[in-house]
Amino acid sequence: MMNYRGYVAKVEFDAEARLLHGEIADIADVVTFQASSVAGLEKEFHAAVDDYIAFCTENGMEPQKPYSGRLLLRMDPDLHRDAARSARAADESLNTFVTRAIRNSIQESHPS
């Protein structure tokens, strides 16, 4: 996985053209790049991210970030109630409770 300045590249190989095509993942704006080698692709990825940030800055826009840290959840009302009660019983906010539950679930499914 290629990471640069908080952005991640999604990469595909075009066998017919013998090119690697990349796109900045997890943002609504479409930012693409391509190269014929992995080293070239990494260089083009860095340039694409830098150009994207520069373009946004020059045009008074805030560059999108892949993950803002905000998440809207939809759940069954009974689950919502039970989670809120459990959070209150643990003397923590619902946000802290849900964050901890997600973190624990990830750690259980992907132990180090």
PDB file of N, CA and C in Angstrom:
ATOM      1  N   MET A   1       0.845  -1.170   0.000  1.00  0.00           N
ATOM      2  CA  MET A   1       0.000   0.000   0.000  1.00  0.00           C
ATOM      3  C   MET A   1       0.894   1.239   0.000  1.00  0.00           C
ATOM      4  N   MET A   2       0.554   2.206  -0.827  1.00  0.00           N
ATOM      5  CA  MET A   2       1.327   3.441  -0.889  1.00  0.00           C
ATOM      6  C   MET A   2       0.607   4.528  -0.089  1.00  0.00           C
ATOM      7  N   ASN A   3       1.343   5.160   0.823  1.00  0.00           N
ATOM      8  CA  ASN A   3       0.828   6.248   1.645  1.00  0.00           C
ATOM      9  C   ASN A   3       1.724   7.460   1.475  1.00  0.00           C
ATOM     10  N   TYR A   4       1.095   8.640   1.441  1.00  0.00           N
ATOM     11  CA  TYR A   4       1.869   9.873   1.348  1.00  0.00           C
ATOM     12  C   TYR A   4       1.017  11.025   1.856  1.00  0.00           C
ATOM     13  N   ARG A   5       1.531  11.746   2.837  1.00  0.00           N
ATOM     14  CA  ARG A   5       0.876  12.926   3.400  1.00  0.00           C
ATOM     15  C   ARG A   5      -0.559  12.643   3.854  1.00  0.00           C
ATOM     16  N   GLY A   6      -0.786  11.439   4.373  1.00  0.00           N
ATOM     17  CA  GLY A   6      -2.107  11.073   4.863  1.00  0.00           C
ATOM     18  C   GLY A   6      -3.046  10.514   3.814  1.00  0.00           C
ATOM     19  N   TYR A   7      -2.578  10.400   2.581  1.00  0.00           N
ATOM     20  CA  TYR A   7      -3.399   9.865   1.489  1.00  0.00           C
ATOM     21  C   TYR A   7      -2.911   8.468   1.126  1.00  0.00           C
ATOM     22  N   VAL A   8      -3.834   7.660   0.626  1.00  0.00           N
ATOM     23  CA  VAL A   8      -3.542   6.281   0.233  1.00  0.00           C
ATOM     24  C   VAL A   8      -3.851   6.135  -1.250  1.00  0.00           C
ATOM     25  N   ALA A   9      -3.013   5.360  -1.937  1.00  0.00           N
ATOM     26  CA  ALA A   9      -3.218   5.122  -3.368  1.00  0.00           C
ATOM     27  C   ALA A   9      -3.953   3.809  -3.584  1.00  0.00           C
ATOM     28  N   LYS A  10      -4.918   3.840  -4.488  1.00  0.00           N
ATOM     29  CA  LYS A  10      -5.581   2.622  -4.967  1.00  0.00           C
ATOM     30  C   LYS A  10      -4.979   2.366  -6.346  1.00  0.00           C
ATOM     31  N   VAL A  11      -4.397   1.187  -6.551  1.00  0.00           N
ATOM     32  CA  VAL A  11      -3.631   0.915  -7.774  1.00  0.00           C
ATOM     33  C   VAL A  11      -4.199  -0.289  -8.516  1.00  0.00           C
ATOM     34  N   GLU A  12      -4.246  -0.168  -9.840  1.00  0.00           N
ATOM     35  CA  GLU A  12      -4.647  -1.279 -10.712  1.00  0.00           C
ATOM     36  C   GLU A  12      -3.640  -1.387 -11.845  1.00  0.00           C
ATOM     37  N   PHE A  13      -3.495  -2.596 -12.376  1.00  0.00           N
ATOM     38  CA  PHE A  13      -2.583  -2.836 -13.489  1.00  0.00           C
ATOM     39  C   PHE A  13      -3.387  -3.045 -14.763  1.00  0.00           C
ATOM     40  N   ASP A  14      -3.039  -2.315 -15.806  1.00  0.00           N
ATOM     41  CA  ASP A  14      -3.657  -2.464 -17.122  1.00  0.00           C
ATOM     42  C   ASP A  14      -2.701  -3.317 -17.955  1.00  0.00           C
ATOM     43  N   ALA A  15      -3.006  -4.609 -18.083  1.00  0.00           N
ATOM     44  CA  ALA A  15      -2.116  -5.541 -18.777  1.00  0.00           C
ATOM     45  C   ALA A  15      -1.966  -5.188 -20.250  1.00  0.00           C
ATOM     46  N   GLU A  16      -3.036  -4.732 -20.866  1.00  0.00           N
ATOM     47  CA  GLU A  16      -2.982  -4.402 -22.285  1.00  0.00           C
ATOM     48  C   GLU A  16      -2.055  -3.208 -22.546  1.00  0.00           C
ATOM     49  N   ALA A  17      -2.173  -2.183 -21.739  1.00  0.00           N
ATOM     50  CA  ALA A  17      -1.341  -0.981 -21.909  1.00  0.00           C
ATOM     51  C   ALA A  17      -0.003  -1.107 -21.190  1.00  0.00           C
ATOM     52  N   ARG A  18       0.135  -2.150 -20.352  1.00  0.00           N
ATOM     53  CA  ARG A  18       1.347  -2.367 -19.555  1.00  0.00           C
ATOM     54  C   ARG A  18       1.630  -1.156 -18.664  1.00  0.00           C
ATOM     55  N   LEU A  19       0.557  -0.630 -18.044  1.00  0.00           N
ATOM     56  CA  LEU A  19       0.674   0.541 -17.178  1.00  0.00           C
ATOM     57  C   LEU A  19       0.023   0.283 -15.827  1.00  0.00           C
ATOM     58  N   LEU A  20       0.573   0.907 -14.823  1.00  0.00           N
ATOM     59  CA  LEU A  20      -0.033   0.935 -13.502  1.00  0.00           C
ATOM     60  C   LEU A  20      -0.835   2.231 -13.408  1.00  0.00           C
ATOM     61  N   HIS A  21      -2.102   2.106 -13.049  1.00  0.00           N
ATOM     62  CA  HIS A  21      -2.973   3.266 -12.889  1.00  0.00           C
ATOM     63  C   HIS A  21      -3.279   3.416 -11.409  1.00  0.00           C
ATOM     64  N   GLY A  22      -3.188   4.631 -10.913  1.00  0.00           N
ATOM     65  CA  GLY A  22      -3.487   4.882  -9.513  1.00  0.00           C
ATOM     66  C   GLY A  22      -4.494   5.991  -9.346  1.00  0.00           C
ATOM     67  N   GLU A  23      -5.126   5.986  -8.185  1.00  0.00           N
ATOM     68  CA  GLU A  23      -6.092   7.016  -7.820  1.00  0.00           C
ATOM     69  C   GLU A  23      -5.982   7.221  -6.318  1.00  0.00           C
ATOM     70  N   ILE A  24      -6.117   8.473  -5.880  1.00  0.00           N
ATOM     71  CA  ILE A  24      -6.147   8.717  -4.443  1.00  0.00           C
ATOM     72  C   ILE A  24      -7.448   8.130  -3.918  1.00  0.00           C
ATOM     73  N   ALA A  25      -7.332   7.245  -2.944  1.00  0.00           N
ATOM     74  CA  ALA A  25      -8.494   6.529  -2.402  1.00  0.00           C
ATOM     75  C   ALA A  25      -9.204   7.342  -1.328  1.00  0.00           C
ATOM     76  N   ASP A  26     -10.469   7.065  -1.174  1.00  0.00           N
ATOM     77  CA  ASP A  26     -11.275   7.529  -0.043  1.00  0.00           C
ATOM     78  C   ASP A  26     -11.519   9.033   0.016  1.00  0.00           C
ATOM     79  N   ILE A  27     -11.478   9.705  -1.147  1.00  0.00           N
ATOM     80  CA  ILE A  27     -11.912  11.100  -1.220  1.00  0.00           C
ATOM     81  C   ILE A  27     -12.883  11.208  -2.393  1.00  0.00           C
ATOM     82  N   ALA A  28     -13.755  12.202  -2.367  1.00  0.00           N
ATOM     83  CA  ALA A  28     -14.736  12.364  -3.447  1.00  0.00           C
ATOM     84  C   ALA A  28     -14.103  12.939  -4.707  1.00  0.00           C
ATOM     85  N   ASP A  29     -13.093  13.809  -4.546  1.00  0.00           N
ATOM     86  CA  ASP A  29     -12.403  14.356  -5.714  1.00  0.00           C
ATOM     87  C   ASP A  29     -11.668  13.232  -6.439  1.00  0.00           C
ATOM     88  N   VAL A  30     -11.604  13.325  -7.757  1.00  0.00           N
ATOM     89  CA  VAL A  30     -10.923  12.297  -8.551  1.00  0.00           C
ATOM     90  C   VAL A  30      -9.528  12.798  -8.896  1.00  0.00           C
ATOM     91  N   VAL A  31      -8.527  12.118  -8.349  1.00  0.00           N
ATOM     92  CA  VAL A  31      -7.126  12.458  -8.598  1.00  0.00           C
ATOM     93  C   VAL A  31      -6.436  11.174  -9.038  1.00  0.00           C
ATOM     94  N   THR A  32      -5.987  11.149 -10.299  1.00  0.00           N
ATOM     95  CA  THR A  32      -5.388   9.937 -10.855  1.00  0.00           C
ATOM     96  C   THR A  32      -3.943  10.179 -11.267  1.00  0.00           C
ATOM     97  N   PHE A  33      -3.233   9.076 -11.492  1.00  0.00           N
ATOM     98  CA  PHE A  33      -1.840   9.115 -11.923  1.00  0.00           C
ATOM     99  C   PHE A  33      -1.513   7.763 -12.527  1.00  0.00           C
ATOM    100  N   GLN A  34      -0.431   7.697 -13.302  1.00  0.00           N
ATOM    101  CA  GLN A  34      -0.040   6.421 -13.916  1.00  0.00           C
ATOM    102  C   GLN A  34       1.451   6.404 -14.179  1.00  0.00           C
ATOM    103  N   ALA A  35       1.984   5.198 -14.333  1.00  0.00           N
ATOM    104  CA  ALA A  35       3.398   5.002 -14.655  1.00  0.00           C
ATOM    105  C   ALA A  35       3.584   3.563 -15.121  1.00  0.00           C
ATOM    106  N   SER A  36       4.746   3.301 -15.673  1.00  0.00           N
ATOM    107  CA  SER A  36       5.029   1.950 -16.168  1.00  0.00           C
ATOM    108  C   SER A  36       5.840   1.124 -15.175  1.00  0.00           C
ATOM    109  N   SER A  37       6.246   1.722 -14.053  1.00  0.00           N
ATOM    110  CA  SER A  37       7.000   0.985 -13.038  1.00  0.00           C
ATOM    111  C   SER A  37       6.500   1.369 -11.652  1.00  0.00           C
ATOM    112  N   VAL A  38       6.821   0.539 -10.683  1.00  0.00           N
ATOM    113  CA  VAL A  38       6.409   0.825  -9.308  1.00  0.00           C
ATOM    114  C   VAL A  38       7.088   2.097  -8.810  1.00  0.00           C
ATOM    115  N   ALA A  39       8.380   2.229  -9.081  1.00  0.00           N
ATOM    116  CA  ALA A  39       9.104   3.435  -8.656  1.00  0.00           C
ATOM    117  C   ALA A  39       8.500   4.678  -9.306  1.00  0.00           C
ATOM    118  N   GLY A  40       8.184   4.568 -10.584  1.00  0.00           N
ATOM    119  CA  GLY A  40       7.566   5.689 -11.287  1.00  0.00           C
ATOM    120  C   GLY A  40       6.190   6.005 -10.749  1.00  0.00           C
ATOM    121  N   LEU A  41       5.445   4.960 -10.401  1.00  0.00           N
ATOM    122  CA  LEU A  41       4.102   5.163  -9.867  1.00  0.00           C
ATOM    123  C   LEU A  41       4.158   5.883  -8.524  1.00  0.00           C
ATOM    124  N   GLU A  42       5.109   5.499  -7.694  1.00  0.00           N
ATOM    125  CA  GLU A  42       5.250   6.159  -6.396  1.00  0.00           C
ATOM    126  C   GLU A  42       5.587   7.642  -6.584  1.00  0.00           C
ATOM    127  N   LYS A  43       6.478   7.929  -7.517  1.00  0.00           N
ATOM    128  CA  LYS A  43       6.844   9.320  -7.814  1.00  0.00           C
ATOM    129  C   LYS A  43       5.615  10.096  -8.304  1.00  0.00           C
ATOM    130  N   GLU A  44       4.836   9.496  -9.193  1.00  0.00           N
ATOM    131  CA  GLU A  44       3.643  10.154  -9.731  1.00  0.00           C
ATOM    132  C   GLU A  44       2.556  10.325  -8.665  1.00  0.00           C
ATOM    133  N   PHE A  45       2.468   9.367  -7.756  1.00  0.00           N
ATOM    134  CA  PHE A  45       1.517   9.472  -6.647  1.00  0.00           C
ATOM    135  C   PHE A  45       1.860  10.680  -5.783  1.00  0.00           C
ATOM    136  N   HIS A  46       3.132  10.804  -5.423  1.00  0.00           N
ATOM    137  CA  HIS A  46       3.570  11.941  -4.610  1.00  0.00           C
ATOM    138  C   HIS A  46       3.276  13.256  -5.327  1.00  0.00           C
ATOM    139  N   ALA A  47       3.577  13.297  -6.620  1.00  0.00           N
ATOM    140  CA  ALA A  47       3.327  14.514  -7.404  1.00  0.00           C
ATOM    141  C   ALA A  47       1.829  14.824  -7.466  1.00  0.00           C
ATOM    142  N   ALA A  48       0.999  13.790  -7.622  1.00  0.00           N
ATOM    143  CA  ALA A  48      -0.450  13.990  -7.696  1.00  0.00           C
ATOM    144  C   ALA A  48      -0.994  14.548  -6.381  1.00  0.00           C
ATOM    145  N   VAL A  49      -0.521  14.019  -5.262  1.00  0.00           N
ATOM    146  CA  VAL A  49      -0.957  14.519  -3.954  1.00  0.00           C
ATOM    147  C   VAL A  49      -0.510  15.966  -3.777  1.00  0.00           C
ATOM    148  N   ASP A  50       0.762  16.237  -4.072  1.00  0.00           N
ATOM    149  CA  ASP A  50       1.283  17.601  -3.938  1.00  0.00           C
ATOM    150  C   ASP A  50       0.514  18.571  -4.828  1.00  0.00           C
ATOM    151  N   ASP A  51       0.255  18.169  -6.067  1.00  0.00           N
ATOM    152  CA  ASP A  51      -0.493  19.022  -6.997  1.00  0.00           C
ATOM    153  C   ASP A  51      -1.925  19.249  -6.515  1.00  0.00           C
ATOM    154  N   TYR A  52      -2.553  18.209  -5.997  1.00  0.00           N
ATOM    155  CA  TYR A  52      -3.919  18.321  -5.488  1.00  0.00           C
ATOM    156  C   TYR A  52      -3.985  19.325  -4.335  1.00  0.00           C
ATOM    157  N   ILE A  53      -3.070  19.191  -3.388  1.00  0.00           N
ATOM    158  CA  ILE A  53      -3.049  20.102  -2.238  1.00  0.00           C
ATOM    159  C   ILE A  53      -2.764  21.531  -2.697  1.00  0.00           C
ATOM    160  N   ALA A  54      -1.817  21.694  -3.623  1.00  0.00           N
ATOM    161  CA  ALA A  54      -1.489  23.030  -4.143  1.00  0.00           C
ATOM    162  C   ALA A  54      -2.688  23.641  -4.871  1.00  0.00           C
ATOM    163  N   PHE A  55      -3.366  22.845  -5.687  1.00  0.00           N
ATOM    164  CA  PHE A  55      -4.546  23.326  -6.416  1.00  0.00           C
ATOM    165  C   PHE A  55      -5.616  23.808  -5.444  1.00  0.00           C
ATOM    166  N   CYS A  56      -5.879  23.009  -4.428  1.00  0.00           N
ATOM    167  CA  CYS A  56      -6.901  23.384  -3.444  1.00  0.00           C
ATOM    168  C   CYS A  56      -6.510  24.675  -2.729  1.00  0.00           C
ATOM    169  N   THR A  57      -5.260  24.768  -2.319  1.00  0.00           N
ATOM    170  CA  THR A  57      -4.780  25.962  -1.622  1.00  0.00           C
ATOM    171  C   THR A  57      -4.899  27.197  -2.502  1.00  0.00           C
ATOM    172  N   GLU A  58      -4.470  27.080  -3.752  1.00  0.00           N
ATOM    173  CA  GLU A  58      -4.516  28.210  -4.685  1.00  0.00           C
ATOM    174  C   GLU A  58      -5.939  28.670  -4.973  1.00  0.00           C
ATOM    175  N   ASN A  59      -6.897  27.754  -4.857  1.00  0.00           N
ATOM    176  CA  ASN A  59      -8.290  28.078  -5.157  1.00  0.00           C
ATOM    177  C   ASN A  59      -9.141  28.288  -3.904  1.00  0.00           C
ATOM    178  N   GLY A  60      -8.471  28.426  -2.757  1.00  0.00           N
ATOM    179  CA  GLY A  60      -9.173  28.699  -1.509  1.00  0.00           C
ATOM    180  C   GLY A  60     -10.060  27.573  -1.028  1.00  0.00           C
ATOM    181  N   MET A  61      -9.718  26.349  -1.413  1.00  0.00           N
ATOM    182  CA  MET A  61     -10.512  25.180  -1.008  1.00  0.00           C
ATOM    183  C   MET A  61      -9.722  24.373   0.012  1.00  0.00           C
ATOM    184  N   GLU A  62     -10.428  23.665   0.851  1.00  0.00           N
ATOM    185  CA  GLU A  62      -9.802  22.769   1.815  1.00  0.00           C
ATOM    186  C   GLU A  62      -9.625  21.404   1.146  1.00  0.00           C
ATOM    187  N   PRO A  63      -8.383  20.885   1.048  1.00  0.00           N
ATOM    188  CA  PRO A  63      -8.212  19.552   0.457  1.00  0.00           C
ATOM    189  C   PRO A  63      -8.985  18.516   1.277  1.00  0.00           C
ATOM    190  N   GLN A  64      -9.644  17.611   0.587  1.00  0.00           N
ATOM    191  CA  GLN A  64     -10.361  16.555   1.296  1.00  0.00           C
ATOM    192  C   GLN A  64      -9.356  15.639   1.970  1.00  0.00           C
ATOM    193  N   LYS A  65      -9.741  15.122   3.108  1.00  0.00           N
ATOM    194  CA  LYS A  65      -8.932  14.142   3.820  1.00  0.00           C
ATOM    195  C   LYS A  65      -9.636  12.795   3.696  1.00  0.00           C
ATOM    196  N   PRO A  66      -8.857  11.724   3.582  1.00  0.00           N
ATOM    197  CA  PRO A  66      -9.478  10.407   3.440  1.00  0.00           C
ATOM    198  C   PRO A  66     -10.439  10.059   4.574  1.00  0.00           C
ATOM    199  N   TYR A  67     -10.070  10.369   5.789  1.00  0.00           N
ATOM    200  CA  TYR A  67     -10.932  10.063   6.923  1.00  0.00           C
ATOM    201  C   TYR A  67     -10.922  11.254   7.857  1.00  0.00           C
ATOM    202  N   SER A  68     -12.085  11.786   8.136  1.00  0.00           N
ATOM    203  CA  SER A  68     -12.182  12.987   8.964  1.00  0.00           C
ATOM    204  C   SER A  68     -12.201  12.663  10.452  1.00  0.00           C
ATOM    205  N   GLY A  69     -12.470  11.405  10.792  1.00  0.00           N
ATOM    206  CA  GLY A  69     -12.645  11.061  12.192  1.00  0.00           C
ATOM    207  C   GLY A  69     -14.113  11.140  12.612  1.00  0.00           C
ATOM    208  N   ARG A  70     -14.957  11.525  11.677  1.00  0.00           N
ATOM    209  CA  ARG A  70     -16.398  11.591  11.943  1.00  0.00           C
ATOM    210  C   ARG A  70     -17.075  10.447  11.198  1.00  0.00           C
ATOM    211  N   LEU A  71     -18.047   9.825  11.860  1.00  0.00           N
ATOM    212  CA  LEU A  71     -18.726   8.679  11.278  1.00  0.00           C
ATOM    213  C   LEU A  71     -20.197   8.722  11.674  1.00  0.00           C
ATOM    214  N   LEU A  72     -21.065   8.704  10.694  1.00  0.00           N
ATOM    215  CA  LEU A  72     -22.502   8.670  10.949  1.00  0.00           C
ATOM    216  C   LEU A  72     -22.943   7.209  10.918  1.00  0.00           C
ATOM    217  N   LEU A  73     -23.568   6.770  11.985  1.00  0.00           N
ATOM    218  CA  LEU A  73     -24.030   5.380  12.073  1.00  0.00           C
ATOM    219  C   LEU A  73     -25.549   5.326  12.070  1.00  0.00           C
ATOM    220  N   ARG A  74     -26.076   4.306  11.429  1.00  0.00           N
ATOM    221  CA  ARG A  74     -27.503   4.028  11.511  1.00  0.00           C
ATOM    222  C   ARG A  74     -27.617   2.650  12.170  1.00  0.00           C
ATOM    223  N   MET A  75     -28.466   2.572  13.181  1.00  0.00           N
ATOM    224  CA  MET A  75     -28.625   1.299  13.878  1.00  0.00           C
ATOM    225  C   MET A  75     -30.045   1.170  14.392  1.00  0.00           C
ATOM    226  N   ASP A  76     -30.386  -0.032  14.735  1.00  0.00           N
ATOM    227  CA  ASP A  76     -31.681  -0.323  15.326  1.00  0.00           C
ATOM    228  C   ASP A  76     -31.851   0.522  16.599  1.00  0.00           C
ATOM    229  N   PRO A  77     -33.012   1.120  16.803  1.00  0.00           N
ATOM    230  CA  PRO A  77     -33.218   1.948  17.998  1.00  0.00           C
ATOM    231  C   PRO A  77     -32.947   1.211  19.316  1.00  0.00           C
ATOM    232  N   ASP A  78     -33.267  -0.088  19.367  1.00  0.00           N
ATOM    233  CA  ASP A  78     -33.004  -0.849  20.592  1.00  0.00           C
ATOM    234  C   ASP A  78     -31.502  -0.969  20.852  1.00  0.00           C
ATOM    235  N   LEU A  79     -30.729  -1.176  19.795  1.00  0.00           N
ATOM    236  CA  LEU A  79     -29.272  -1.243  19.946  1.00  0.00           C
ATOM    237  C   LEU A  79     -28.730   0.115  20.390  1.00  0.00           C
ATOM    238  N   HIS A  80     -29.265   1.176  19.815  1.00  0.00           N
ATOM    239  CA  HIS A  80     -28.859   2.538  20.190  1.00  0.00           C
ATOM    240  C   HIS A  80     -29.110   2.764  21.688  1.00  0.00           C
ATOM    241  N   ARG A  81     -30.305   2.388  22.140  1.00  0.00           N
ATOM    242  CA  ARG A  81     -30.659   2.533  23.559  1.00  0.00           C
ATOM    243  C   ARG A  81     -29.722   1.722  24.443  1.00  0.00           C
ATOM    244  N   ASP A  82     -29.477   0.455  24.060  1.00  0.00           N
ATOM    245  CA  ASP A  82     -28.617  -0.410  24.863  1.00  0.00           C
ATOM    246  C   ASP A  82     -27.183   0.116  24.915  1.00  0.00           C
ATOM    247  N   ALA A  83     -26.702   0.627  23.791  1.00  0.00           N
ATOM    248  CA  ALA A  83     -25.346   1.192  23.763  1.00  0.00           C
ATOM    249  C   ALA A  83     -25.267   2.428  24.653  1.00  0.00           C
ATOM    250  N   ALA A  84     -26.276   3.283  24.582  1.00  0.00           N
ATOM    251  CA  ALA A  84     -26.287   4.492  25.419  1.00  0.00           C
ATOM    252  C   ALA A  84     -26.333   4.129  26.899  1.00  0.00           C
ATOM    253  N   ARG A  85     -27.131   3.136  27.247  1.00  0.00           N
ATOM    254  CA  ARG A  85     -27.204   2.697  28.647  1.00  0.00           C
ATOM    255  C   ARG A  85     -25.877   2.100  29.106  1.00  0.00           C
ATOM    256  N   SER A  86     -25.262   1.295  28.246  1.00  0.00           N
ATOM    257  CA  SER A  86     -23.969   0.696  28.598  1.00  0.00           C
ATOM    258  C   SER A  86     -22.901   1.770  28.764  1.00  0.00           C
ATOM    259  N   ALA A  87     -22.915   2.762  27.895  1.00  0.00           N
ATOM    260  CA  ALA A  87     -21.951   3.868  28.002  1.00  0.00           C
ATOM    261  C   ALA A  87     -22.163   4.618  29.315  1.00  0.00           C
ATOM    262  N   ARG A  88     -23.416   4.906  29.630  1.00  0.00           N
ATOM    263  CA  ARG A  88     -23.729   5.624  30.873  1.00  0.00           C
ATOM    264  C   ARG A  88     -23.266   4.810  32.077  1.00  0.00           C
ATOM    265  N   ALA A  89     -23.500   3.492  32.056  1.00  0.00           N
ATOM    266  CA  ALA A  89     -23.089   2.626  33.164  1.00  0.00           C
ATOM    267  C   ALA A  89     -21.571   2.597  33.317  1.00  0.00           C
ATOM    268  N   ALA A  90     -20.854   2.751  32.204  1.00  0.00           N
ATOM    269  CA  ALA A  90     -19.384   2.771  32.237  1.00  0.00           C
ATOM    270  C   ALA A  90     -18.859   4.182  32.497  1.00  0.00           C
ATOM    271  N   ASP A  91     -19.775   5.126  32.703  1.00  0.00           N
ATOM    272  CA  ASP A  91     -19.431   6.529  32.949  1.00  0.00           C
ATOM    273  C   ASP A  91     -18.579   7.111  31.821  1.00  0.00           C
ATOM    274  N   GLU A  92     -19.031   6.849  30.581  1.00  0.00           N
ATOM    275  CA  GLU A  92     -18.343   7.410  29.419  1.00  0.00           C
ATOM    276  C   GLU A  92     -19.378   7.854  28.390  1.00  0.00           C
ATOM    277  N   SER A  93     -18.937   8.669  27.460  1.00  0.00           N
ATOM    278  CA  SER A  93     -19.848   9.138  26.412  1.00  0.00           C
ATOM    279  C   SER A  93     -20.168   7.994  25.456  1.00  0.00           C
ATOM    280  N   LEU A  94     -21.255   8.142  24.735  1.00  0.00           N
ATOM    281  CA  LEU A  94     -21.608   7.142  23.731  1.00  0.00           C
ATOM    282  C   LEU A  94     -20.518   7.074  22.664  1.00  0.00           C
ATOM    283  N   ASN A  95     -19.968   8.225  22.291  1.00  0.00           N
ATOM    284  CA  ASN A  95     -18.892   8.265  21.310  1.00  0.00           C
ATOM    285  C   ASN A  95     -17.686   7.443  21.783  1.00  0.00           C
ATOM    286  N   THR A  96     -17.272   7.628  23.029  1.00  0.00           N
ATOM    287  CA  THR A  96     -16.139   6.878  23.582  1.00  0.00           C
ATOM    288  C   THR A  96     -16.459   5.391  23.637  1.00  0.00           C
ATOM    289  N   PHE A  97     -17.679   5.061  24.033  1.00  0.00           N
ATOM    290  CA  PHE A  97     -18.096   3.667  24.122  1.00  0.00           C
ATOM    291  C   PHE A  97     -18.031   2.979  22.755  1.00  0.00           C
ATOM    292  N   VAL A  98     -18.596   3.629  21.727  1.00  0.00           N
ATOM    293  CA  VAL A  98     -18.615   3.050  20.377  1.00  0.00           C
ATOM    294  C   VAL A  98     -17.194   2.957  19.820  1.00  0.00           C
ATOM    295  N   THR A  99     -16.385   3.984  20.028  1.00  0.00           N
ATOM    296  CA  THR A  99     -14.994   3.962  19.558  1.00  0.00           C
ATOM    297  C   THR A  99     -14.237   2.799  20.190  1.00  0.00           C
ATOM    298  N   ARG A 100     -14.401   2.615  21.494  1.00  0.00           N
ATOM    299  CA  ARG A 100     -13.727   1.512  22.189  1.00  0.00           C
ATOM    300  C   ARG A 100     -14.218   0.164  21.667  1.00  0.00           C
ATOM    301  N   ALA A 101     -15.519   0.034  21.441  1.00  0.00           N
ATOM    302  CA  ALA A 101     -16.078  -1.230  20.937  1.00  0.00           C
ATOM    303  C   ALA A 101     -15.517  -1.561  19.553  1.00  0.00           C
ATOM    304  N   ILE A 102     -15.420  -0.558  18.690  1.00  0.00           N
ATOM    305  CA  ILE A 102     -14.860  -0.791  17.353  1.00  0.00           C
ATOM    306  C   ILE A 102     -13.390  -1.176  17.460  1.00  0.00           C
ATOM    307  N   ARG A 103     -12.627  -0.438  18.277  1.00  0.00           N
ATOM    308  CA  ARG A 103     -11.201  -0.742  18.447  1.00  0.00           C
ATOM    309  C   ARG A 103     -11.010  -2.170  18.977  1.00  0.00           C
ATOM    310  N   ASN A 104     -11.798  -2.557  19.980  1.00  0.00           N
ATOM    311  CA  ASN A 104     -11.696  -3.912  20.533  1.00  0.00           C
ATOM    312  C   ASN A 104     -12.023  -4.963  19.483  1.00  0.00           C
ATOM    313  N   SER A 105     -13.036  -4.716  18.675  1.00  0.00           N
ATOM    314  CA  SER A 105     -13.416  -5.661  17.627  1.00  0.00           C
ATOM    315  C   SER A 105     -12.298  -5.825  16.600  1.00  0.00           C
ATOM    316  N   ILE A 106     -11.682  -4.719  16.218  1.00  0.00           N
ATOM    317  CA  ILE A 106     -10.575  -4.779  15.251  1.00  0.00           C
ATOM    318  C   ILE A 106      -9.397  -5.540  15.844  1.00  0.00           C
ATOM    319  N   GLN A 107      -9.068  -5.265  17.102  1.00  0.00           N
ATOM    320  CA  GLN A 107      -7.942  -5.951  17.741  1.00  0.00           C
ATOM    321  C   GLN A 107      -8.201  -7.450  17.876  1.00  0.00           C
ATOM    322  N   GLU A 108      -9.448  -7.829  18.127  1.00  0.00           N
ATOM    323  CA  GLU A 108      -9.790  -9.247  18.225  1.00  0.00           C
ATOM    324  C   GLU A 108      -9.686  -9.946  16.874  1.00  0.00           C
ATOM    325  N   SER A 109     -10.078  -9.266  15.808  1.00  0.00           N
ATOM    326  CA  SER A 109     -10.066  -9.901  14.489  1.00  0.00           C
ATOM    327  C   SER A 109      -8.713  -9.802  13.794  1.00  0.00           C
ATOM    328  N   HIS A 110      -7.848  -8.895  14.249  1.00  0.00           N
ATOM    329  CA  HIS A 110      -6.504  -8.731  13.675  1.00  0.00           C
ATOM    330  C   HIS A 110      -5.465  -8.637  14.789  1.00  0.00           C
ATOM    331  N   PRO A 111      -5.258  -9.725  15.553  1.00  0.00           N
ATOM    332  CA  PRO A 111      -4.285  -9.651  16.650  1.00  0.00           C
ATOM    333  C   PRO A 111      -2.870  -9.403  16.117  1.00  0.00           C
ATOM    334  N   SER A 112      -2.088  -8.681  16.901  1.00  0.00           N
ATOM    335  CA  SER A 112      -0.710  -8.352  16.475  1.00  0.00           C
ATOM    336  C   SER A 112       0.192  -9.553  16.510  1.00  0.00           C
TER     337      SER A 112
END
